[in-house]
Amino acid sequence: MWVRHEVRVRRGEPQHFRRPKVGDLTLVIEVMRFGDDGRRMTVYQAEPGSADEAALGKLAAL
């Protein structure tokens, strides 16, 4: 499977989402790896003060 796909680290890359309750969002992805056993944490964040940040606040309140 790995042979057929380009494998790369994703850091600081914008990701686009459409959420029915708040509309379109553009968030930046950061992937943090822990140890050598494959554990990782993925964090999505919005630009501070942006409409995307406001939309995340609305989602958090649901």
C-alpha atoms as a PDB file:
ATOM      1  CA  MET A   1       0.000   0.000   0.000  1.00  0.00           C
ATOM      2  CA  TRP A   2       2.792   2.463   0.866  1.00  0.00           C
ATOM      3  CA  VAL A   3       4.399   1.900  -2.517  1.00  0.00           C
ATOM      4  CA  ARG A   4       1.323   3.271  -4.318  1.00  0.00           C
ATOM      5  CA  HIS A   5       0.994   6.444  -2.239  1.00  0.00           C
ATOM      6  CA  GLU A   6       3.247   9.353  -1.495  1.00  0.00           C
ATOM      7  CA  VAL A   7       3.854   9.502   2.239  1.00  0.00           C
ATOM      8  CA  ARG A   8       4.628  12.888   3.755  1.00  0.00           C
ATOM      9  CA  VAL A   9       4.549  14.805   6.998  1.00  0.00           C
ATOM     10  CA  ARG A  10       1.628  17.203   7.242  1.00  0.00           C
ATOM     11  CA  ARG A  11       2.450  20.337   9.164  1.00  0.00           C
ATOM     12  CA  GLY A  12       0.942  23.781   8.846  1.00  0.00           C
ATOM     13  CA  GLU A  13      -1.194  22.670   5.917  1.00  0.00           C
ATOM     14  CA  PRO A  14      -4.679  24.193   5.478  1.00  0.00           C
ATOM     15  CA  GLN A  15      -7.612  21.785   5.526  1.00  0.00           C
ATOM     16  CA  HIS A  16     -11.083  22.737   4.317  1.00  0.00           C
ATOM     17  CA  PHE A  17     -14.264  21.532   6.004  1.00  0.00           C
ATOM     18  CA  ARG A  18     -17.971  22.122   5.525  1.00  0.00           C
ATOM     19  CA  ARG A  19     -20.080  21.824   8.654  1.00  0.00           C
ATOM     20  CA  PRO A  20     -23.872  22.025   8.317  1.00  0.00           C
ATOM     21  CA  LYS A  21     -24.326  24.225  11.408  1.00  0.00           C
ATOM     22  CA  VAL A  22     -21.558  26.804  10.730  1.00  0.00           C
ATOM     23  CA  GLY A  23     -20.645  26.529   7.041  1.00  0.00           C
ATOM     24  CA  ASP A  24     -17.178  26.394   5.511  1.00  0.00           C
ATOM     25  CA  LEU A  25     -14.050  26.308   7.697  1.00  0.00           C
ATOM     26  CA  THR A  26     -10.362  26.434   6.875  1.00  0.00           C
ATOM     27  CA  LEU A  27      -8.175  25.065   9.664  1.00  0.00           C
ATOM     28  CA  VAL A  28      -4.439  24.424   9.892  1.00  0.00           C
ATOM     29  CA  ILE A  29      -3.341  20.874  10.733  1.00  0.00           C
ATOM     30  CA  GLU A  30      -0.458  19.933  13.022  1.00  0.00           C
ATOM     31  CA  VAL A  31       0.453  16.291  13.680  1.00  0.00           C
ATOM     32  CA  MET A  32       2.538  15.536  16.775  1.00  0.00           C
ATOM     33  CA  ARG A  33       4.166  12.133  17.058  1.00  0.00           C
ATOM     34  CA  PHE A  34       4.912  10.482  20.411  1.00  0.00           C
ATOM     35  CA  GLY A  35       7.534   7.778  20.695  1.00  0.00           C
ATOM     36  CA  ASP A  36       8.308   5.133  18.115  1.00  0.00           C
ATOM     37  CA  ASP A  37       5.100   3.109  18.441  1.00  0.00           C
ATOM     38  CA  GLY A  38       3.019   5.174  16.005  1.00  0.00           C
ATOM     39  CA  ARG A  39       1.076   7.217  18.562  1.00  0.00           C
ATOM     40  CA  ARG A  40       0.177  10.670  17.347  1.00  0.00           C
ATOM     41  CA  MET A  41      -2.097  13.564  18.091  1.00  0.00           C
ATOM     42  CA  THR A  42      -3.635  15.682  15.348  1.00  0.00           C
ATOM     43  CA  VAL A  43      -4.582  19.274  16.159  1.00  0.00           C
ATOM     44  CA  TYR A  44      -6.663  21.543  13.951  1.00  0.00           C
ATOM     45  CA  GLN A  45      -6.634  25.262  14.671  1.00  0.00           C
ATOM     46  CA  ALA A  46      -8.056  28.430  13.197  1.00  0.00           C
ATOM     47  CA  GLU A  47      -6.308  31.724  12.590  1.00  0.00           C
ATOM     48  CA  PRO A  48      -6.856  33.876  15.714  1.00  0.00           C
ATOM     49  CA  GLY A  49      -9.566  36.486  15.190  1.00  0.00           C
ATOM     50  CA  SER A  50     -10.796  34.906  11.956  1.00  0.00           C
ATOM     51  CA  ALA A  51     -14.302  33.871  10.923  1.00  0.00           C
ATOM     52  CA  ASP A  52     -13.030  30.281  11.166  1.00  0.00           C
ATOM     53  CA  GLU A  53     -12.200  30.822  14.842  1.00  0.00           C
ATOM     54  CA  ALA A  54     -15.700  32.208  15.454  1.00  0.00           C
ATOM     55  CA  ALA A  55     -17.219  29.184  13.691  1.00  0.00           C
ATOM     56  CA  LEU A  56     -15.193  26.826  15.914  1.00  0.00           C
ATOM     57  CA  GLY A  57     -16.564  28.654  18.950  1.00  0.00           C
ATOM     58  CA  LYS A  58     -20.095  28.069  17.665  1.00  0.00           C
ATOM     59  CA  LEU A  59     -19.360  24.356  17.170  1.00  0.00           C
ATOM     60  CA  ALA A  60     -17.949  24.114  20.695  1.00  0.00           C
ATOM     61  CA  ALA A  61     -21.165  25.614  22.081  1.00  0.00           C
ATOM     62  CA  LEU A  62     -23.383  23.003  20.400  1.00  0.00           C
END
